[in-house]
Amino acid sequence: MALLIKPLRCPHCQQPIDKPLLKRHGQLKTFLHRKPFPCPHCGQSAVLPELSETLISVGILIAAILAPLFHLWDVSFIDSRLAFATGAMLVIAGVATQKLHKA
């Protein structure tokens, strides 16, 4: 799940790369499979690592699914507000660390 909240910048030329641009150049499938792809601007290879996407996915799981379930089931070992805050922090950390790397 490639979640692009903001356009990512090429690590070589610092030009923004987004999904529509990759789709026009026929490189969206390679990008989504986390394989190195040539930058549409400079032609040098870049890759999207999976760590930030994992943080975003886990944060959404915790904040949107587990926290309401903890509140509904009245779980006593963890406060549902704390679970929601943890999930939200993971999503923010994932979005903040989302960037392309040189391949």
Protein backbone atom coordinates (compact mmCIF):
# COMPACT_ATOMS: atom_id res chain seq x y z
CA MET A 1 0.00 0.00 0.00
CA ALA A 2 1.78 3.06 -1.22
CA LEU A 3 0.24 5.95 0.59
CA LEU A 4 1.47 9.21 -0.85
CA ILE A 5 0.27 12.01 1.39
CA LYS A 6 2.78 14.38 -0.13
CA PRO A 7 4.80 14.13 -3.36
CA LEU A 8 8.06 12.33 -2.76
CA ARG A 9 11.29 13.86 -4.03
CA CYS A 10 13.91 12.10 -6.10
CA PRO A 11 17.04 11.52 -3.98
CA HIS A 12 19.22 12.53 -6.95
CA CYS A 13 17.60 15.62 -8.52
CA GLN A 14 15.14 16.61 -5.71
CA GLN A 15 12.25 16.93 -8.20
CA PRO A 16 8.80 15.83 -6.91
CA ILE A 17 7.55 12.42 -8.03
CA ASP A 18 3.88 11.49 -7.65
CA LYS A 19 1.61 8.66 -8.79
CA PRO A 20 0.17 10.38 -11.90
CA LEU A 21 3.70 11.16 -13.16
CA LEU A 22 4.81 7.56 -12.61
CA LYS A 23 1.67 6.30 -14.34
CA ARG A 24 2.31 8.52 -17.39
CA HIS A 25 5.84 7.11 -17.68
CA GLY A 26 4.70 3.50 -17.16
CA GLN A 27 6.64 3.04 -13.91
CA LEU A 28 3.81 2.94 -11.36
CA LYS A 29 3.71 -0.87 -11.16
CA THR A 30 7.47 -1.05 -10.49
CA PHE A 31 7.13 1.68 -7.84
CA LEU A 32 4.25 -0.13 -6.08
CA HIS A 33 6.22 -3.40 -6.00
CA ARG A 34 9.09 -1.64 -4.15
CA LYS A 35 11.57 -2.27 -6.96
CA PRO A 36 14.09 0.29 -8.24
CA PHE A 37 12.67 2.53 -10.95
CA PRO A 38 14.25 5.31 -13.02
CA CYS A 39 13.34 8.84 -12.03
CA PRO A 40 11.14 10.43 -14.74
CA HIS A 41 13.18 13.65 -14.45
CA CYS A 42 16.84 12.58 -14.29
CA GLY A 43 16.74 8.84 -15.16
CA GLN A 44 18.68 7.69 -12.08
CA SER A 45 17.36 4.77 -10.01
CA ALA A 46 15.31 5.30 -6.85
CA VAL A 47 13.30 2.97 -4.62
CA LEU A 48 10.58 3.37 -1.98
CA PRO A 49 11.50 1.36 1.15
CA GLU A 50 8.79 -0.45 3.04
CA LEU A 51 9.46 0.79 6.61
CA SER A 52 7.39 3.97 6.44
CA GLU A 53 4.48 2.16 4.79
CA THR A 54 4.56 -0.44 7.57
CA LEU A 55 4.45 2.27 10.25
CA ILE A 56 1.47 3.90 8.57
CA SER A 57 -0.40 0.59 8.21
CA VAL A 58 0.21 -0.48 11.81
CA GLY A 59 -0.75 2.98 13.09
CA ILE A 60 -4.04 2.91 11.17
CA LEU A 61 -4.75 -0.60 12.48
CA ILE A 62 -4.19 0.46 16.07
CA ALA A 63 -5.97 3.84 15.89
CA ALA A 64 -8.94 2.87 13.73
CA ILE A 65 -9.61 -0.73 14.76
CA LEU A 66 -7.98 -1.70 18.05
CA ALA A 67 -8.60 1.49 20.03
CA PRO A 68 -12.39 1.47 19.41
CA LEU A 69 -12.52 -2.25 20.20
CA PHE A 70 -10.65 -1.70 23.46
CA HIS A 71 -13.18 1.01 24.35
CA LEU A 72 -16.15 -1.17 23.36
CA TRP A 73 -14.91 -4.22 25.27
CA ASP A 74 -13.88 -2.08 28.26
CA VAL A 75 -10.38 -3.58 28.38
CA SER A 76 -8.74 -2.75 31.68
CA PHE A 77 -5.04 -3.34 30.93
CA ILE A 78 -4.79 -0.44 28.45
CA ASP A 79 -6.74 2.77 28.07
CA SER A 80 -8.36 3.14 24.64
CA ARG A 81 -7.18 6.78 24.45
CA LEU A 82 -3.60 5.64 24.92
CA ALA A 83 -4.01 3.03 22.16
CA PHE A 84 -5.46 5.68 19.82
CA ALA A 85 -2.62 8.12 20.61
CA THR A 86 -0.04 5.40 19.95
CA GLY A 87 -1.63 4.61 16.58
CA ALA A 88 -1.79 8.27 15.63
CA MET A 89 1.88 8.76 16.55
CA LEU A 90 2.85 5.78 14.38
CA VAL A 91 0.95 7.23 11.42
CA ILE A 92 2.64 10.61 11.88
CA ALA A 93 6.07 8.98 12.17
CA GLY A 94 5.42 6.95 9.01
CA VAL A 95 4.35 10.01 7.02
CA ALA A 96 7.33 12.01 8.29
CA THR A 97 9.86 9.32 7.32
CA GLN A 98 8.36 8.49 3.94
CA LYS A 99 10.99 9.26 1.29
CA LEU A 100 12.70 7.70 -1.69
CA HIS A 101 16.18 6.20 -1.44
CA LYS A 102 18.93 5.82 -3.99
CA ALA A 103 19.00 2.39 -5.60
